[in-house]
Amino acid sequence: MEVTIRSSFAVGSTKHLAQSSRLGREARVELPDGATVLDLLETLPSIGPREQFDDMMITVFVNGKLCGFDHRLRHGDLIDIHIPVSGG
């Protein structure tokens, strides 16, 4: 199945997706049927290791709705991944 990621930060340093991200396009990701949000996040090494996902407060929206890591994705889903940041 194929899903689309709109969040460019999430794919920026992931080599197999970086080209489409740099060009300002949405990145398409192939996943096995039955894949979850967690499975998707694990394909994006630029986000970091799985054990830090909760500490980073990653929020994932699927088709505009907030979803947990156990949410099963479907072909054609549109994904937005957000990690809060601050500066000073």
Protein backbone atom coordinates (compact mmCIF):
# COMPACT_ATOMS: atom_id res chain seq x y z
CA MET A 1 0.00 0.00 0.00
CA GLU A 2 1.06 3.58 -0.47
CA VAL A 3 0.60 6.51 1.92
CA THR A 4 1.62 10.15 1.48
CA ILE A 5 3.57 12.24 3.99
CA ARG A 6 3.16 16.01 3.85
CA SER A 7 5.58 16.81 6.69
CA SER A 8 8.88 17.63 5.03
CA PHE A 9 10.96 17.60 8.24
CA ALA A 10 10.12 13.93 8.72
CA VAL A 11 11.67 12.89 5.44
CA GLY A 12 14.40 15.50 5.09
CA SER A 13 17.36 13.28 5.92
CA THR A 14 15.82 9.99 4.85
CA LYS A 15 17.77 9.30 1.65
CA HIS A 16 15.12 7.35 -0.25
CA LEU A 17 12.56 10.16 0.29
CA ALA A 18 14.77 13.24 0.42
CA GLN A 19 14.56 14.11 -3.28
CA SER A 20 10.79 14.57 -3.33
CA SER A 21 10.92 16.46 -0.03
CA ARG A 22 13.54 18.92 -1.30
CA LEU A 23 11.43 19.66 -4.32
CA GLY A 24 8.51 20.63 -2.09
CA ARG A 25 6.42 17.62 -3.03
CA GLU A 26 4.64 15.23 -0.78
CA ALA A 27 6.60 12.04 -0.15
CA ARG A 28 5.00 8.73 -1.01
CA VAL A 29 5.90 5.72 1.13
CA GLU A 30 5.28 2.07 0.35
CA LEU A 31 4.27 -0.03 3.36
CA PRO A 32 3.00 -3.58 3.75
CA ASP A 33 -0.75 -4.08 4.13
CA GLY A 34 -1.78 -3.76 7.76
CA ALA A 35 1.05 -1.35 8.64
CA THR A 36 0.51 0.98 11.58
CA VAL A 37 1.58 4.56 12.27
CA LEU A 38 4.45 3.10 14.32
CA ASP A 39 5.57 1.01 11.34
CA LEU A 40 5.62 4.18 9.23
CA LEU A 41 7.62 6.14 11.80
CA GLU A 42 10.19 3.36 11.97
CA THR A 43 10.83 3.75 8.23
CA LEU A 44 11.89 7.38 8.81
CA PRO A 45 15.30 7.26 10.54
CA SER A 46 15.50 11.05 10.51
CA ILE A 47 12.91 11.10 13.30
CA GLY A 48 15.12 9.08 15.65
CA PRO A 49 14.87 5.78 17.49
CA ARG A 50 11.53 4.26 18.48
CA GLU A 51 12.29 4.41 22.20
CA GLN A 52 12.37 8.23 22.00
CA PHE A 53 9.05 8.76 20.18
CA ASP A 54 7.05 9.40 23.38
CA ASP A 55 9.73 11.73 24.76
CA MET A 56 9.63 13.76 21.52
CA MET A 57 5.84 14.07 21.80
CA ILE A 58 5.34 13.08 18.18
CA THR A 59 1.79 13.65 17.02
CA VAL A 60 0.50 12.03 13.86
CA PHE A 61 -2.57 13.04 11.90
CA VAL A 62 -4.05 10.63 9.36
CA ASN A 63 -6.43 12.30 6.92
CA GLY A 64 -6.67 15.25 9.29
CA LYS A 65 -7.48 13.24 12.44
CA LEU A 66 -5.13 12.72 15.38
CA CYS A 67 -4.18 9.03 15.60
CA GLY A 68 -2.22 6.82 17.96
CA PHE A 69 0.81 4.77 17.01
CA ASP A 70 -1.34 1.63 16.81
CA HIS A 71 -3.65 3.10 14.12
CA ARG A 72 -3.71 0.90 11.02
CA LEU A 73 -2.98 2.79 7.84
CA ARG A 74 -4.81 2.30 4.55
CA HIS A 75 -3.79 2.85 0.96
CA GLY A 76 -4.06 6.53 0.04
CA ASP A 77 -3.89 7.90 3.60
CA LEU A 78 -2.48 11.42 3.95
CA ILE A 79 -0.08 11.72 6.89
CA ASP A 80 1.06 14.80 8.82
CA ILE A 81 3.75 14.27 11.46
CA HIS A 82 4.44 16.98 14.03
CA ILE A 83 7.11 17.28 16.69
CA PRO A 84 6.80 20.37 18.92
CA VAL A 85 9.90 22.54 18.98
CA SER A 86 10.92 25.59 20.95
CA GLY A 87 13.72 28.05 20.89
CA GLY A 88 14.94 30.98 22.76
